[in-house]
C-alpha cells in the first residue's frame, strides 16, 4: 500500500492513495467522494460536455448545487472515453492508480478496452470497484439498473409506507448511497489485503440492490423459517411499541422509541399513565404489540396536548428515548450539529461560502477533510492531469482539437 509522507498524513488515513473514478450519477461518484473525505486523491472522469449531475437538482445563479456535494475534493478530467485516444488516456491514468471506481452497465468498460483484465495487466496492484444495478453476473446483469429499481427489487419499498397504501420510495438516492458506502468499505478491505499479499489488487462486484437487502434485518430468515412476509406499517416497528412519530400541540413532531420494556414503563409514567406502566398485560413487547393501538394512542394523545419543547423536556427528565424530527433548516442552527462540525463551511470561487455535510468518521490523528466543493469548470484539471501522464503540449492540443478532451 502507498505510504503517505508524514507531512500530509494528517489530511486523512487515505492520504497518498490515488483513485480514478469513471462513473455516472451517484453510486460510483459517492463512493469515491467518501474516499476523498478520508484523504485519497480522486480524479473524476467526465465527458467533454460535462457530467449529468451538473444538470440535476437545484441551481443558484446557474450553478448546480448537488454537483458540488457529490464531487467534492476531486480533480476533474474531461475526456471522451468512447474514442480510442480517450480510452488510452484512461489506461495510462489507471497505470498510476491504486483504485478504479466505475458504475456503468456490465460490459460497457470492456467495449472501451477498460475492463479489469486489461487494466490489471497494466497495473497488477489495481483495486477495481464495479457498482451496477444487478451485479456483474446472473440473468439480470445486463438489465439497466437505477436506485429506484434496486429499492423496489430488494424488498425495501414493499415494507415501506403506510398500511393499505402503495409501496413508498425514498425522495433521495438511498440505494446509491448505501451501495457507495459498501463500495468504499470494500475498497478499504481490498487495499488492506493488497498490503498483505505482495501488492496484488482485486476486483469488487457490488449490485445496487444487495446492500439494501443486507440492511433489512431478519426479513429473509423470517420468511425462510416462518413464511412471514413483511407488511407496510408506517412508522411502527414490527416487534416493539410504542415507536412512532407524534405531532405536538405547536404542530411540530417528535420521534419516540421505547423498544426496551423498562423504556416503555418510563414512557407511560412520563405521560401520566402509571396504570399502563403497571398493567400485567403490557410488560413485554409481544404483549404491547397485541394492544398496539391502545399503547400508541395513549402517547399520541398526551403529546398532542403539549408543545414540542415541553414534551422533550419531560421525556428527557424521565429518561425516555425521544428527540425532535428536524428539517434541514433546524439542522443548521442546532448547537450539537455546530459543536461536532457535522456541516462544514467551504469556499466556492463562484458562490462564496457554501455549507454541506462534512467527514463522518472522526479520526483523532488523521481526521480527513472536505477540501473544496465540486469544481464548476468542466474538466478543470485536464491539462494538469495529462501533463502528469507525460502528454506533451502538442499531444494535448491535438487531443483537444480532435474533441477527445476538453481543457
Protein backbone atom coordinates (compact mmCIF):
# COMPACT_ATOMS: atom_id res chain seq x y z
CA UNK A 1 0.00 0.00 0.00
CA UNK A 2 1.17 3.52 -0.69
CA UNK A 3 2.63 5.07 2.48
CA UNK A 4 1.93 8.81 2.70
CA UNK A 5 4.63 11.26 3.74
CA UNK A 6 4.26 12.37 7.34
CA UNK A 7 3.61 15.94 6.21
CA UNK A 8 0.33 15.01 4.54
CA UNK A 9 -0.81 12.14 6.77
CA UNK A 10 -2.96 14.48 8.85
CA UNK A 11 -5.16 15.11 5.80
CA UNK A 12 -6.68 11.69 6.25
CA UNK A 13 -5.88 8.00 6.65
CA UNK A 14 -6.01 7.52 2.86
CA UNK A 15 -3.50 10.28 2.07
CA UNK A 16 -1.32 9.09 -0.82
CA UNK A 17 -3.95 6.72 -2.23
CA UNK A 18 -4.87 7.60 -5.81
CA UNK A 19 -8.42 6.93 -7.01
CA UNK A 20 -9.70 7.13 -10.59
CA UNK A 21 -13.47 7.37 -10.93
CA UNK A 22 -15.36 6.93 -14.17
CA UNK A 23 -18.93 6.97 -13.02
CA UNK A 24 -22.33 8.44 -13.61
CA UNK A 25 -24.95 9.94 -11.32
CA UNK A 26 -24.41 8.87 -7.71
CA UNK A 27 -23.26 5.41 -6.61
CA UNK A 28 -19.74 5.42 -8.06
CA UNK A 29 -19.15 9.14 -7.54
CA UNK A 30 -20.34 8.97 -3.93
CA UNK A 31 -18.06 6.01 -3.19
CA UNK A 32 -15.03 7.92 -4.41
CA UNK A 33 -16.19 11.06 -2.58
CA UNK A 34 -16.14 9.12 0.70
CA UNK A 35 -12.57 8.04 -0.08
CA UNK A 36 -11.69 11.65 -0.86
CA UNK A 37 -13.09 12.73 2.51
CA UNK A 38 -10.53 10.42 4.10
CA UNK A 39 -7.63 11.92 2.19
CA UNK A 40 -7.46 9.98 -1.07
CA UNK A 41 -6.57 11.88 -4.23
CA UNK A 42 -9.57 11.39 -6.52
CA UNK A 43 -9.58 12.08 -10.25
CA UNK A 44 -13.07 12.14 -11.71
CA UNK A 45 -13.51 11.46 -15.41
CA UNK A 46 -16.41 13.28 -17.04
CA UNK A 47 -17.43 13.63 -20.71
CA UNK A 48 -16.34 16.78 -22.55
CA UNK A 49 -19.91 18.15 -22.33
CA UNK A 50 -19.93 17.67 -18.56
CA UNK A 51 -21.29 15.09 -16.14
CA UNK A 52 -25.07 14.58 -16.00
CA UNK A 53 -25.22 15.62 -12.33
CA UNK A 54 -24.23 19.12 -13.45
CA UNK A 55 -27.74 19.34 -14.91
CA UNK A 56 -29.63 17.96 -11.91
CA UNK A 57 -31.01 19.31 -8.66
CA UNK A 58 -31.27 22.93 -7.56
CA UNK A 59 -29.24 25.76 -9.07
CA UNK A 60 -28.06 29.10 -7.70
CA UNK A 61 -27.05 31.73 -10.22
CA UNK A 62 -26.94 28.96 -12.81
CA UNK A 63 -24.58 26.84 -10.73
CA UNK A 64 -25.55 23.24 -9.80
CA UNK A 65 -25.54 22.59 -6.07
CA UNK A 66 -25.86 18.79 -6.00
CA UNK A 67 -22.76 18.53 -8.17
CA UNK A 68 -20.75 20.40 -5.56
CA UNK A 69 -21.57 17.81 -2.89
CA UNK A 70 -21.23 14.59 -4.89
CA UNK A 71 -17.95 15.62 -6.50
CA UNK A 72 -16.26 17.45 -3.66
CA UNK A 73 -12.48 17.24 -3.26
CA UNK A 74 -12.00 15.79 -6.76
CA UNK A 75 -9.79 16.78 -9.66
CA UNK A 76 -11.63 16.73 -12.98
CA UNK A 77 -10.55 15.20 -16.28
CA UNK A 78 -12.86 15.76 -19.27
CA UNK A 79 -12.26 13.05 -21.87
CA UNK A 80 -14.34 11.10 -24.37
CA UNK A 81 -13.62 7.53 -23.29
CA UNK A 82 -15.55 6.17 -26.27
CA UNK A 83 -12.70 7.17 -28.58
CA UNK A 84 -9.51 5.09 -28.87
CA UNK A 85 -7.38 8.06 -27.85
CA UNK A 86 -9.64 8.79 -24.89
CA UNK A 87 -9.53 5.17 -23.72
CA UNK A 88 -5.74 5.28 -23.95
CA UNK A 89 -5.72 8.30 -21.63
CA UNK A 90 -7.69 6.27 -19.09
CA UNK A 91 -5.37 3.27 -19.40
CA UNK A 92 -2.35 5.48 -18.75
CA UNK A 93 -4.12 7.01 -15.79
CA UNK A 94 -5.10 3.60 -14.38
CA UNK A 95 -1.46 2.53 -14.57
CA UNK A 96 -0.69 5.13 -11.90
CA UNK A 97 -3.71 4.47 -9.65
CA UNK A 98 -4.43 2.42 -6.55
CA UNK A 99 -8.21 2.29 -7.08
CA UNK A 100 -10.53 2.42 -10.10
CA UNK A 101 -14.25 3.05 -9.49
CA UNK A 102 -16.94 2.62 -12.15
CA UNK A 103 -20.71 2.21 -12.19
CA UNK A 104 -21.70 1.58 -15.80
CA UNK A 105 -23.75 -1.35 -17.01
CA UNK A 106 -21.71 -4.59 -17.12
CA UNK A 107 -19.73 -4.91 -20.34
CA UNK A 108 -19.57 -1.18 -21.06
CA UNK A 109 -15.99 -0.76 -19.88
CA UNK A 110 -14.89 -3.85 -21.81
CA UNK A 111 -16.27 -2.30 -25.00
CA UNK A 112 -13.86 0.60 -24.45
CA UNK A 113 -10.91 -1.65 -23.60
CA UNK A 114 -11.06 -0.64 -19.94
CA UNK A 115 -12.09 -3.91 -18.28
CA UNK A 116 -10.34 -5.30 -15.20
CA UNK A 117 -8.36 -7.87 -17.16
CA UNK A 118 -6.87 -5.14 -19.35
CA UNK A 119 -6.18 -2.66 -16.58
CA UNK A 120 -4.82 -5.20 -14.08
CA UNK A 121 -2.39 -6.45 -16.73
CA UNK A 122 -1.06 -2.89 -16.86
CA UNK A 123 -1.24 -2.38 -13.09
CA UNK A 124 -1.45 -5.63 -11.07
CA UNK A 125 -1.95 -3.70 -7.84
CA UNK A 126 -5.12 -2.01 -9.05
CA UNK A 127 -8.30 -2.40 -6.99
CA UNK A 128 -11.37 -2.04 -9.23
CA UNK A 129 -14.87 -1.47 -7.89
CA UNK A 130 -17.90 -2.16 -10.09
CA UNK A 131 -21.32 -0.91 -8.97
CA UNK A 132 -24.24 -1.84 -11.22
CA UNK A 133 -27.96 -2.39 -10.93
CA UNK A 134 -27.96 -6.18 -10.65
CA UNK A 135 -24.27 -7.05 -10.41
CA UNK A 136 -21.75 -8.35 -12.93
CA UNK A 137 -23.20 -11.89 -13.03
CA UNK A 138 -26.63 -13.52 -13.11
CA UNK A 139 -29.52 -13.48 -15.59
CA UNK A 140 -30.41 -9.84 -14.85
CA UNK A 141 -26.87 -8.44 -15.03
CA UNK A 142 -27.37 -6.84 -18.46
CA UNK A 143 -30.52 -5.00 -17.41
CA UNK A 144 -30.36 -1.25 -16.89
CA UNK A 145 -30.45 -0.59 -13.18
CA UNK A 146 -31.10 2.57 -11.20
CA UNK A 147 -31.51 3.14 -7.49
CA UNK A 148 -35.28 3.25 -7.82
CA UNK A 149 -35.36 -0.28 -9.21
CA UNK A 150 -32.98 -1.51 -6.51
CA UNK A 151 -35.17 -0.06 -3.78
CA UNK A 152 -38.11 -1.94 -5.30
CA UNK A 153 -36.29 -5.19 -6.15
CA UNK A 154 -34.62 -5.53 -2.73
CA UNK A 155 -37.90 -5.68 -0.80
CA UNK A 156 -37.30 -2.28 0.79
CA UNK A 157 -40.16 -0.47 -0.95
CA UNK A 158 -42.61 -3.29 -0.21
CA UNK A 159 -42.19 -2.82 3.53
CA UNK A 160 -42.01 0.98 3.44
CA UNK A 161 -45.14 3.13 3.60
CA UNK A 162 -48.49 3.26 5.31
CA UNK A 163 -50.73 0.17 5.67
CA UNK A 164 -53.11 -0.12 2.75
CA UNK A 165 -51.16 2.43 0.73
CA UNK A 166 -48.73 1.91 -2.19
CA UNK A 167 -45.11 0.92 -1.63
CA UNK A 168 -43.04 4.01 -0.85
CA UNK A 169 -39.75 5.06 -2.45
CA UNK A 170 -37.34 7.48 -0.77
CA UNK A 171 -37.08 11.00 -2.16
CA UNK A 172 -33.29 10.80 -2.33
CA UNK A 173 -30.83 8.28 -3.87
CA UNK A 174 -30.92 5.86 -0.96
CA UNK A 175 -29.80 2.77 -2.88
CA UNK A 176 -26.91 4.66 -4.43
CA UNK A 177 -25.78 5.96 -1.05
CA UNK A 178 -25.86 2.56 0.63
CA UNK A 179 -24.02 0.94 -2.29
CA UNK A 180 -21.46 3.75 -2.22
CA UNK A 181 -20.76 3.23 1.47
CA UNK A 182 -20.39 -0.52 1.00
CA UNK A 183 -18.23 0.14 -2.05
CA UNK A 184 -15.88 2.39 -0.09
CA UNK A 185 -15.74 -0.19 2.70
CA UNK A 186 -14.92 -2.94 0.21
CA UNK A 187 -12.14 -0.88 -1.35
CA UNK A 188 -10.53 -0.40 2.05
CA UNK A 189 -10.66 -4.15 2.67
CA UNK A 190 -9.05 -4.80 -0.73
CA UNK A 191 -6.29 -2.29 0.00
CA UNK A 192 -5.55 -3.99 3.32
CA UNK A 193 -5.43 -7.36 1.57
CA UNK A 194 -3.14 -5.91 -1.11
CA UNK A 195 -0.68 -4.85 1.58
CA UNK A 196 -0.55 -8.46 2.81
CA UNK A 197 -0.34 -10.41 -0.44
CA UNK A 198 2.59 -8.87 -2.25
CA UNK A 199 0.79 -5.93 -3.78
CA UNK A 200 -1.82 -7.72 -5.90
CA UNK A 201 -5.12 -5.86 -6.28
CA UNK A 202 -8.63 -7.21 -6.65
CA UNK A 203 -11.92 -6.78 -8.49
CA UNK A 204 -15.08 -5.97 -6.49
CA UNK A 205 -18.65 -6.53 -7.71
CA UNK A 206 -21.50 -4.72 -5.91
CA UNK A 207 -25.09 -4.50 -7.10
CA UNK A 208 -27.38 -1.67 -6.09
CA UNK A 209 -29.97 -3.96 -4.51
CA UNK A 210 -27.85 -6.27 -2.34
CA UNK A 211 -26.52 -3.60 0.06
CA UNK A 212 -30.11 -2.55 0.83
CA UNK A 213 -31.20 -6.16 1.31
CA UNK A 214 -28.33 -6.65 3.75
CA UNK A 215 -29.79 -3.86 5.91
CA UNK A 216 -33.28 -5.35 6.17
CA UNK A 217 -32.54 -7.31 9.32
CA UNK A 218 -34.30 -10.63 9.80
CA UNK A 219 -36.60 -10.25 6.78
CA UNK A 220 -35.04 -13.13 4.82
CA UNK A 221 -34.64 -15.59 7.67
CA UNK A 222 -38.14 -14.81 8.98
CA UNK A 223 -39.57 -15.82 5.62
CA UNK A 224 -37.27 -18.82 5.28
CA UNK A 225 -38.14 -20.26 8.67
CA UNK A 226 -41.68 -18.99 9.29
CA UNK A 227 -43.09 -17.93 5.93
CA UNK A 228 -43.52 -14.39 7.24
CA UNK A 229 -43.78 -11.68 4.57
CA UNK A 230 -43.26 -8.21 5.99
CA UNK A 231 -46.03 -5.65 5.59
CA UNK A 232 -46.10 -1.88 5.42
CA UNK A 233 -46.51 -0.47 8.91
CA UNK A 234 -45.84 3.23 8.51
CA UNK A 235 -43.56 4.40 11.33
CA UNK A 236 -44.45 1.50 13.59
CA UNK A 237 -41.99 -1.23 14.39
CA UNK A 238 -42.68 -4.87 13.59
CA UNK A 239 -41.75 -6.01 17.09
CA UNK A 240 -41.88 -3.16 19.62
CA UNK A 241 -44.23 -0.38 20.71
CA UNK A 242 -44.56 2.50 21.42
CA UNK A 243 -42.41 3.57 18.49
CA UNK A 244 -43.62 6.33 16.18
CA UNK A 245 -43.52 9.99 15.29
CA UNK A 246 -46.01 12.16 17.14
CA UNK A 247 -47.32 15.65 16.41
CA UNK A 248 -47.12 18.19 19.24
CA UNK A 249 -49.53 20.97 20.17
CA UNK A 250 -47.44 23.55 18.28
CA UNK A 251 -47.58 21.38 15.13
CA UNK A 252 -44.04 20.10 15.37
CA UNK A 253 -43.01 16.48 15.53
CA UNK A 254 -41.05 14.21 17.83
CA UNK A 255 -39.81 10.65 17.47
CA UNK A 256 -40.05 8.11 20.29
CA UNK A 257 -38.51 4.66 20.65
CA UNK A 258 -39.49 2.53 23.65
CA UNK A 259 -38.09 -0.78 22.47
CA UNK A 260 -36.88 -1.85 25.91
CA UNK A 261 -39.51 -2.92 28.42
CA UNK A 262 -38.08 -0.54 31.01
CA UNK A 263 -38.22 2.26 28.44
CA UNK A 264 -41.90 1.61 27.81
CA UNK A 265 -42.65 1.82 31.52
CA UNK A 266 -40.76 5.11 31.82
CA UNK A 267 -42.70 6.47 28.85
CA UNK A 268 -46.10 5.53 30.28
CA UNK A 269 -45.20 7.10 33.63
CA UNK A 270 -43.96 10.26 31.89
CA UNK A 271 -47.30 10.78 30.15
CA UNK A 272 -49.20 10.31 33.39
CA UNK A 273 -50.33 6.75 32.72
CA UNK A 274 -48.87 4.67 35.56
CA UNK A 275 -51.80 2.33 35.04
CA UNK A 276 -50.33 1.30 31.69
CA UNK A 277 -46.84 1.04 33.17
CA UNK A 278 -48.04 -1.44 35.80
CA UNK A 279 -50.56 -3.47 33.80
CA UNK A 280 -49.54 -7.14 33.73
CA UNK A 281 -50.61 -7.46 30.09
CA UNK A 282 -48.28 -4.63 28.91
CA UNK A 283 -44.97 -5.74 30.41
CA UNK A 284 -43.34 -7.16 27.27
CA UNK A 285 -43.13 -6.13 23.64
CA UNK A 286 -45.20 -9.11 22.41
CA UNK A 287 -47.91 -8.14 24.90
CA UNK A 288 -47.83 -4.49 23.89
CA UNK A 289 -47.88 -5.38 20.19
CA UNK A 290 -51.21 -7.15 20.79
CA UNK A 291 -52.50 -3.83 22.16
CA UNK A 292 -50.61 -1.57 19.78
CA UNK A 293 -53.40 0.93 19.14
CA UNK A 294 -54.01 1.43 22.85
CA UNK A 295 -50.33 1.97 23.67
CA UNK A 296 -49.53 4.14 20.68
CA UNK A 297 -52.74 6.12 21.04
CA UNK A 298 -52.04 6.96 24.68
CA UNK A 299 -48.70 8.52 23.74
CA UNK A 300 -50.16 10.37 20.76
CA UNK A 301 -52.99 11.81 22.87
CA UNK A 302 -50.62 13.17 25.52
CA UNK A 303 -48.07 14.59 23.08
CA UNK A 304 -50.83 16.33 21.15
CA UNK A 305 -51.66 18.44 24.24
CA UNK A 306 -48.13 19.80 24.78
CA UNK A 307 -45.63 21.90 22.84
CA UNK A 308 -42.53 20.21 21.45
CA UNK A 309 -40.13 21.89 23.88
CA UNK A 310 -42.19 20.79 26.88
CA UNK A 311 -42.57 17.24 25.59
CA UNK A 312 -38.84 16.84 25.06
CA UNK A 313 -38.06 18.31 28.48
CA UNK A 314 -40.47 15.96 30.25
CA UNK A 315 -39.18 12.95 28.34
CA UNK A 316 -35.53 13.83 28.96
CA UNK A 317 -36.13 14.14 32.69
CA UNK A 318 -37.92 10.78 32.69
CA UNK A 319 -35.20 9.01 30.71
CA UNK A 320 -37.45 8.43 27.69
CA UNK A 321 -35.64 7.92 24.38
CA UNK A 322 -37.09 10.73 22.27
CA UNK A 323 -35.95 13.54 20.02
CA UNK A 324 -37.16 16.17 17.57
CA UNK A 325 -37.95 15.50 13.92
CA UNK A 326 -35.77 18.07 12.17
CA UNK A 327 -35.94 19.66 8.79
CA UNK A 328 -32.71 20.91 7.24
CA UNK A 329 -33.22 24.48 8.47
CA UNK A 330 -33.30 23.22 12.06
CA UNK A 331 -30.14 21.21 11.50
CA UNK A 332 -28.32 24.38 10.51
CA UNK A 333 -28.98 26.07 13.88
CA UNK A 334 -28.75 23.13 16.27
CA UNK A 335 -25.88 23.59 18.78
CA UNK A 336 -24.90 19.91 18.70
CA UNK A 337 -24.56 19.99 14.91
CA UNK A 338 -22.37 23.08 15.23
CA UNK A 339 -20.25 21.67 18.04
CA UNK A 340 -19.41 18.48 16.14
CA UNK A 341 -18.85 20.18 12.81
CA UNK A 342 -21.41 17.95 11.13
CA UNK A 343 -21.81 20.63 8.46
CA UNK A 344 -18.66 22.28 7.11
CA UNK A 345 -18.06 25.71 5.59
CA UNK A 346 -16.24 25.72 2.27
CA UNK A 347 -15.12 28.49 -0.05
CA UNK A 348 -16.55 28.26 -3.55
CA UNK A 349 -14.94 30.50 -6.20
CA UNK A 350 -18.35 31.42 -7.64
CA UNK A 351 -20.88 31.04 -4.84
CA UNK A 352 -18.71 32.18 -1.94
CA UNK A 353 -19.22 30.32 1.33
CA UNK A 354 -21.19 27.09 0.99
CA UNK A 355 -22.11 24.53 3.64
CA UNK A 356 -22.50 20.81 3.16
CA UNK A 357 -22.09 17.55 5.06
CA UNK A 358 -18.62 17.03 6.49
CA UNK A 359 -16.48 13.94 7.03
CA UNK A 360 -18.47 11.36 9.00
CA UNK A 361 -15.91 9.12 10.78
CA UNK A 362 -13.83 11.01 13.36
CA UNK A 363 -10.16 10.01 13.32
CA UNK A 364 -8.09 11.55 16.08
CA UNK A 365 -4.71 11.53 14.30
CA UNK A 366 -5.79 11.57 10.65
CA UNK A 367 -9.13 13.40 10.63
CA UNK A 368 -9.69 13.87 6.89
CA UNK A 369 -11.40 16.88 5.38
CA UNK A 370 -13.65 18.11 2.61
CA UNK A 371 -11.06 20.14 0.74
CA UNK A 372 -13.30 22.05 -1.65
CA UNK A 373 -16.72 21.81 -3.34
CA UNK A 374 -17.12 20.10 -6.70
CA UNK A 375 -15.41 22.32 -9.25
CA UNK A 376 -17.59 24.41 -11.53
CA UNK A 377 -15.49 24.16 -14.70
CA UNK A 378 -15.86 21.01 -16.80
CA UNK A 379 -12.51 19.24 -16.91
CA UNK A 380 -10.95 21.86 -14.66
CA UNK A 381 -7.74 19.83 -14.22
CA UNK A 382 -7.48 18.17 -17.63
CA UNK A 383 -4.26 19.87 -18.72
CA UNK A 384 -2.51 19.22 -15.40
CA UNK A 385 -3.51 15.55 -15.37
CA UNK A 386 -2.45 14.95 -18.97
CA UNK A 387 0.87 16.68 -18.35
CA UNK A 388 1.49 14.43 -15.35
CA UNK A 389 0.83 11.46 -17.66
CA UNK A 390 3.68 12.69 -19.91
CA UNK A 391 1.49 14.06 -22.68
CA UNK A 392 3.34 16.89 -24.40
CA UNK A 393 1.77 20.28 -25.10
CA UNK A 394 1.46 19.25 -28.75
CA UNK A 395 -0.22 15.97 -27.77
CA UNK A 396 -2.70 17.81 -25.55
CA UNK A 397 -3.50 20.33 -28.26
CA UNK A 398 -4.11 17.51 -30.74
CA UNK A 399 -6.44 15.73 -28.31
CA UNK A 400 -8.36 18.95 -27.76
CA UNK A 401 -8.69 19.68 -31.47
CA UNK A 402 -9.96 16.15 -32.07
CA UNK A 403 -12.64 16.61 -29.40
CA UNK A 404 -11.16 13.87 -27.23
CA UNK A 405 -10.56 16.15 -24.25
CA UNK A 406 -11.86 19.49 -23.03
CA UNK A 407 -9.41 21.93 -21.49
